[in-house]
Amino acid sequence: MLPKVNYIVDGKGEKLFVQVSVKDWEKLIVEHEQLKSFAEFRNNLRDSFRESEKIRRGEKPTVSLNEFLDEL
């Protein structure tokens, strides 16, 4: 459900600002952070698949589990 908003307009009726309740604002912030986390996860997963494809094609050297853990 979309938050209830109030628009602040100029003398010509053009929207300048938006007002939302603190409760709705805090909910929007939480949702924004969740979307950012999801996007970061998706990008990291995509990069991992691309890297594994390069390894499969021999374009990138393989890494042992010990080498991988040492990098952490």
N, C-alpha and C. Protein backbone atom coordinates (compact mmCIF):
# COMPACT_ATOMS: atom_id res chain seq x y z
N MET A 1 0.83 -1.17 0.00
CA MET A 1 0.00 0.00 0.00
C MET A 1 0.89 1.24 0.00
N LEU A 2 0.55 2.18 -0.85
CA LEU A 2 1.33 3.41 -0.94
C LEU A 2 1.05 4.31 0.26
N PRO A 3 2.08 5.03 0.71
CA PRO A 3 1.86 5.93 1.84
C PRO A 3 1.01 7.12 1.42
N LYS A 4 0.30 7.68 2.39
CA LYS A 4 -0.46 8.90 2.14
C LYS A 4 0.54 10.06 2.07
N VAL A 5 0.42 10.87 1.03
CA VAL A 5 1.35 11.99 0.87
C VAL A 5 0.58 13.29 0.71
N ASN A 6 1.24 14.35 1.08
CA ASN A 6 0.74 15.71 0.86
C ASN A 6 1.77 16.42 0.01
N TYR A 7 1.31 17.10 -1.01
CA TYR A 7 2.21 17.83 -1.89
C TYR A 7 2.20 19.31 -1.53
N ILE A 8 3.38 19.90 -1.54
CA ILE A 8 3.53 21.34 -1.38
C ILE A 8 3.72 21.88 -2.80
N VAL A 9 2.86 22.81 -3.17
CA VAL A 9 2.89 23.33 -4.54
C VAL A 9 3.19 24.82 -4.53
N ASP A 10 3.66 25.29 -5.68
CA ASP A 10 3.91 26.72 -5.81
C ASP A 10 2.62 27.42 -6.27
N GLY A 11 2.72 28.71 -6.55
CA GLY A 11 1.55 29.50 -6.94
C GLY A 11 0.92 29.03 -8.24
N LYS A 12 1.68 28.31 -9.06
CA LYS A 12 1.16 27.80 -10.33
C LYS A 12 0.59 26.39 -10.19
N GLY A 13 0.65 25.84 -8.97
CA GLY A 13 0.14 24.49 -8.75
C GLY A 13 1.15 23.40 -9.06
N GLU A 14 2.41 23.77 -9.32
CA GLU A 14 3.45 22.78 -9.62
C GLU A 14 3.99 22.20 -8.31
N LYS A 15 4.13 20.89 -8.28
CA LYS A 15 4.60 20.20 -7.07
C LYS A 15 6.06 20.53 -6.80
N LEU A 16 6.33 20.94 -5.56
CA LEU A 16 7.69 21.28 -5.15
C LEU A 16 8.24 20.28 -4.13
N PHE A 17 7.41 19.86 -3.18
CA PHE A 17 7.84 19.00 -2.09
C PHE A 17 6.75 17.97 -1.79
N VAL A 18 7.15 16.93 -1.07
CA VAL A 18 6.22 15.90 -0.63
C VAL A 18 6.35 15.75 0.87
N GLN A 19 5.23 15.64 1.55
CA GLN A 19 5.22 15.35 2.98
C GLN A 19 4.66 13.95 3.18
N VAL A 20 5.34 13.17 4.02
CA VAL A 20 4.84 11.86 4.42
C VAL A 20 4.93 11.77 5.93
N SER A 21 4.15 10.90 6.51
CA SER A 21 4.22 10.74 7.96
C SER A 21 5.55 10.10 8.34
N VAL A 22 5.95 10.31 9.57
CA VAL A 22 7.20 9.71 10.05
C VAL A 22 7.13 8.20 9.96
N LYS A 23 5.98 7.62 10.30
CA LYS A 23 5.81 6.17 10.22
C LYS A 23 6.03 5.68 8.79
N ASP A 24 5.42 6.36 7.82
CA ASP A 24 5.59 5.96 6.42
C ASP A 24 7.04 6.19 5.96
N TRP A 25 7.64 7.29 6.39
CA TRP A 25 9.02 7.59 6.02
C TRP A 25 9.96 6.49 6.53
N GLU A 26 9.79 6.09 7.78
CA GLU A 26 10.63 5.04 8.34
C GLU A 26 10.43 3.72 7.61
N LYS A 27 9.19 3.43 7.24
CA LYS A 27 8.92 2.21 6.46
C LYS A 27 9.60 2.29 5.09
N LEU A 28 9.55 3.45 4.46
CA LEU A 28 10.21 3.62 3.16
C LEU A 28 11.73 3.44 3.28
N ILE A 29 12.30 3.94 4.35
CA ILE A 29 13.75 3.78 4.57
C ILE A 29 14.10 2.31 4.72
N VAL A 30 13.32 1.56 5.50
CA VAL A 30 13.57 0.13 5.69
C VAL A 30 13.46 -0.60 4.35
N GLU A 31 12.41 -0.30 3.59
CA GLU A 31 12.23 -0.94 2.29
C GLU A 31 13.38 -0.60 1.33
N HIS A 32 13.82 0.64 1.38
CA HIS A 32 14.95 1.06 0.54
C HIS A 32 16.21 0.27 0.88
N GLU A 33 16.49 0.12 2.17
CA GLU A 33 17.67 -0.64 2.60
C GLU A 33 17.56 -2.10 2.17
N GLN A 34 16.37 -2.67 2.26
CA GLN A 34 16.18 -4.06 1.83
C GLN A 34 16.42 -4.19 0.33
N LEU A 35 15.94 -3.23 -0.45
CA LEU A 35 16.16 -3.26 -1.90
C LEU A 35 17.64 -3.11 -2.24
N LYS A 36 18.33 -2.24 -1.51
CA LYS A 36 19.76 -2.09 -1.74
C LYS A 36 20.50 -3.39 -1.44
N SER A 37 20.14 -4.05 -0.34
CA SER A 37 20.78 -5.32 0.02
C SER A 37 20.50 -6.38 -1.03
N PHE A 38 19.26 -6.44 -1.50
CA PHE A 38 18.90 -7.41 -2.52
C PHE A 38 19.68 -7.15 -3.82
N ALA A 39 19.79 -5.89 -4.21
CA ALA A 39 20.52 -5.55 -5.43
C ALA A 39 21.99 -5.92 -5.30
N GLU A 40 22.58 -5.67 -4.15
CA GLU A 40 23.98 -6.03 -3.93
C GLU A 40 24.16 -7.55 -3.99
N PHE A 41 23.26 -8.30 -3.36
CA PHE A 41 23.31 -9.75 -3.41
C PHE A 41 23.19 -10.25 -4.84
N ARG A 42 22.22 -9.69 -5.59
CA ARG A 42 22.00 -10.08 -6.98
C ARG A 42 23.25 -9.80 -7.83
N ASN A 43 23.85 -8.64 -7.64
CA ASN A 43 25.05 -8.29 -8.41
C ASN A 43 26.22 -9.21 -8.06
N ASN A 44 26.38 -9.52 -6.78
CA ASN A 44 27.46 -10.43 -6.38
C ASN A 44 27.23 -11.83 -6.94
N LEU A 45 25.99 -12.28 -6.93
CA LEU A 45 25.68 -13.60 -7.47
C LEU A 45 25.94 -13.64 -8.98
N ARG A 46 25.52 -12.59 -9.68
CA ARG A 46 25.77 -12.50 -11.13
C ARG A 46 27.27 -12.52 -11.42
N ASP A 47 28.04 -11.76 -10.66
CA ASP A 47 29.50 -11.74 -10.85
C ASP A 47 30.11 -13.11 -10.58
N SER A 48 29.60 -13.81 -9.59
CA SER A 48 30.11 -15.15 -9.27
C SER A 48 29.85 -16.11 -10.41
N PHE A 49 28.66 -16.05 -11.00
CA PHE A 49 28.36 -16.92 -12.14
C PHE A 49 29.26 -16.58 -13.33
N ARG A 50 29.49 -15.31 -13.56
CA ARG A 50 30.38 -14.91 -14.66
C ARG A 50 31.81 -15.41 -14.42
N GLU A 51 32.25 -15.29 -13.18
CA GLU A 51 33.59 -15.76 -12.84
C GLU A 51 33.70 -17.28 -13.00
N SER A 52 32.70 -18.00 -12.55
CA SER A 52 32.75 -19.46 -12.67
C SER A 52 32.71 -19.88 -14.14
N GLU A 53 32.01 -19.14 -14.98
CA GLU A 53 31.99 -19.44 -16.42
C GLU A 53 33.37 -19.20 -17.03
N LYS A 54 34.05 -18.15 -16.61
CA LYS A 54 35.41 -17.90 -17.09
C LYS A 54 36.35 -19.02 -16.67
N ILE A 55 36.18 -19.51 -15.45
CA ILE A 55 37.00 -20.62 -14.97
C ILE A 55 36.72 -21.87 -15.80
N ARG A 56 35.44 -22.12 -16.07
CA ARG A 56 35.05 -23.29 -16.86
C ARG A 56 35.65 -23.24 -18.27
N ARG A 57 35.71 -22.03 -18.86
CA ARG A 57 36.26 -21.87 -20.21
C ARG A 57 37.79 -21.81 -20.21
N GLY A 58 38.39 -21.82 -19.04
CA GLY A 58 39.84 -21.76 -18.94
C GLY A 58 40.40 -20.36 -19.07
N GLU A 59 39.57 -19.36 -18.96
CA GLU A 59 40.02 -17.96 -19.08
C GLU A 59 40.52 -17.41 -17.75
N LYS A 60 40.26 -18.14 -16.69
CA LYS A 60 40.68 -17.71 -15.36
C LYS A 60 41.14 -18.95 -14.61
N PRO A 61 42.23 -18.83 -13.85
CA PRO A 61 42.71 -20.02 -13.14
C PRO A 61 41.77 -20.44 -12.01
N THR A 62 41.76 -21.73 -11.74
CA THR A 62 40.96 -22.23 -10.64
C THR A 62 41.60 -21.84 -9.32
N VAL A 63 40.80 -21.83 -8.28
CA VAL A 63 41.27 -21.49 -6.94
C VAL A 63 40.86 -22.63 -6.03
N SER A 64 41.82 -23.14 -5.27
CA SER A 64 41.48 -24.22 -4.33
C SER A 64 40.69 -23.64 -3.16
N LEU A 65 40.03 -24.51 -2.43
CA LEU A 65 39.27 -24.07 -1.27
C LEU A 65 40.17 -23.39 -0.25
N ASN A 66 41.35 -23.93 -0.04
CA ASN A 66 42.29 -23.33 0.92
C ASN A 66 42.71 -21.93 0.46
N GLU A 67 42.97 -21.77 -0.83
CA GLU A 67 43.35 -20.45 -1.35
C GLU A 67 42.19 -19.45 -1.16
N PHE A 68 40.98 -19.95 -1.47
CA PHE A 68 39.81 -19.10 -1.31
C PHE A 68 39.66 -18.65 0.14
N LEU A 69 39.77 -19.61 1.08
CA LEU A 69 39.62 -19.27 2.49
C LEU A 69 40.72 -18.36 2.98
N ASP A 70 41.93 -18.52 2.43
CA ASP A 70 43.04 -17.65 2.83
C ASP A 70 42.78 -16.20 2.41
N GLU A 71 42.03 -16.02 1.32
CA GLU A 71 41.72 -14.65 0.85
C GLU A 71 40.72 -13.95 1.76
N LEU A 72 39.95 -14.73 2.52
CA LEU A 72 38.97 -14.12 3.42
C LEU A 72 39.69 -13.54 4.60
